[in-house]
């Protein structure tokens, strides 16, 4: 069974959830600031550890945002998503 990371970015706060189908397996939230990359990587590590999962168990990374795409937080989140997908794909090879 595969898992999905769902990142919700709002103007004041952000949250990363780990979903297994429609069931929320865990969630990490933080106030928006100038630390999206650090907070996002910490959230990923926390949720994987809490659920005793390897990164390969997560098959998708969805970003849902209410702020414009040109904001730095969105660009950082998109980069983390791509790096995560690349790293997991490389690990499977």
Protein backbone atom coordinates (compact mmCIF):
# COMPACT_ATOMS: atom_id res chain seq x y z
CA UNK A 1 0.00 0.00 0.00
CA UNK A 2 1.39 3.40 -0.93
CA UNK A 3 1.44 6.65 0.97
CA UNK A 4 1.16 10.28 -0.13
CA UNK A 5 2.62 13.46 1.32
CA UNK A 6 0.16 16.34 1.16
CA UNK A 7 1.58 19.81 1.77
CA UNK A 8 -0.95 22.58 2.41
CA UNK A 9 0.55 26.08 2.21
CA UNK A 10 -1.47 29.02 3.49
CA UNK A 11 -0.49 32.62 4.03
CA UNK A 12 -0.05 32.25 7.81
CA UNK A 13 0.80 28.56 8.25
CA UNK A 14 1.74 25.37 6.44
CA UNK A 15 1.12 21.72 7.17
CA UNK A 16 2.45 18.42 5.88
CA UNK A 17 0.24 15.34 6.14
CA UNK A 18 1.01 11.71 5.44
CA UNK A 19 -1.95 9.96 3.86
CA UNK A 20 -2.65 6.28 3.35
CA UNK A 21 -5.53 6.33 0.92
CA UNK A 22 -7.90 8.84 2.62
CA UNK A 23 -6.65 8.16 6.14
CA UNK A 24 -4.36 10.77 7.74
CA UNK A 25 -1.47 8.87 9.33
CA UNK A 26 0.15 11.99 10.77
CA UNK A 27 0.43 15.73 10.38
CA UNK A 28 3.03 18.39 11.13
CA UNK A 29 2.17 22.11 11.08
CA UNK A 30 4.23 25.28 11.38
CA UNK A 31 3.85 29.04 11.09
CA UNK A 32 4.89 30.46 7.74
CA UNK A 33 8.29 32.09 7.87
CA UNK A 34 11.58 32.09 6.05
CA UNK A 35 12.27 28.43 6.79
CA UNK A 36 10.11 26.36 4.42
CA UNK A 37 12.97 24.09 3.32
CA UNK A 38 14.11 23.26 6.84
CA UNK A 39 10.57 22.79 8.16
CA UNK A 40 9.56 20.64 5.21
CA UNK A 41 12.56 18.31 5.48
CA UNK A 42 12.00 18.04 9.25
CA UNK A 43 8.32 17.26 8.65
CA UNK A 44 9.14 14.55 6.13
CA UNK A 45 11.65 12.93 8.51
CA UNK A 46 9.25 13.15 11.46
CA UNK A 47 6.33 11.57 9.60
CA UNK A 48 8.44 8.78 8.11
CA UNK A 49 9.97 7.95 11.49
CA UNK A 50 6.65 8.14 13.36
CA UNK A 51 5.09 5.67 10.91
CA UNK A 52 8.20 3.47 10.64
CA UNK A 53 8.37 3.98 6.86
CA UNK A 54 11.18 4.15 4.35
CA UNK A 55 11.09 7.04 1.85
CA UNK A 56 10.24 4.60 -0.97
CA UNK A 57 6.86 3.90 0.68
CA UNK A 58 5.67 7.38 -0.30
CA UNK A 59 4.54 7.30 -3.93
CA UNK A 60 3.38 10.88 -4.40
CA UNK A 61 3.88 14.39 -3.03
CA UNK A 62 0.99 16.80 -3.52
CA UNK A 63 1.25 20.55 -2.95
CA UNK A 64 -1.93 22.51 -2.29
CA UNK A 65 -1.56 26.26 -1.92
CA UNK A 66 -3.67 29.35 -1.45
CA UNK A 67 -0.77 31.71 -2.20
CA UNK A 68 0.58 32.73 -5.63
CA UNK A 69 3.06 30.41 -7.36
CA UNK A 70 5.77 33.07 -7.46
CA UNK A 71 6.16 33.12 -3.65
CA UNK A 72 9.45 31.71 -2.39
CA UNK A 73 7.72 29.14 -0.15
CA UNK A 74 5.98 27.63 -3.17
CA UNK A 75 9.21 27.49 -5.19
CA UNK A 76 11.05 25.85 -2.27
CA UNK A 77 8.23 23.32 -1.78
CA UNK A 78 8.28 22.43 -5.49
CA UNK A 79 12.06 21.95 -5.35
CA UNK A 80 11.82 19.71 -2.27
CA UNK A 81 9.10 17.68 -4.02
CA UNK A 82 11.30 17.16 -7.09
CA UNK A 83 14.39 16.31 -5.04
CA UNK A 84 12.42 13.84 -2.92
CA UNK A 85 11.00 12.11 -6.02
CA UNK A 86 14.43 11.99 -7.63
CA UNK A 87 16.11 10.57 -4.51
CA UNK A 88 13.47 7.90 -4.02
CA UNK A 89 13.59 6.95 -7.70
CA UNK A 90 17.40 6.69 -7.62
CA UNK A 91 17.25 4.54 -4.49
CA UNK A 92 14.94 2.03 -6.20
CA UNK A 93 17.37 1.54 -9.12
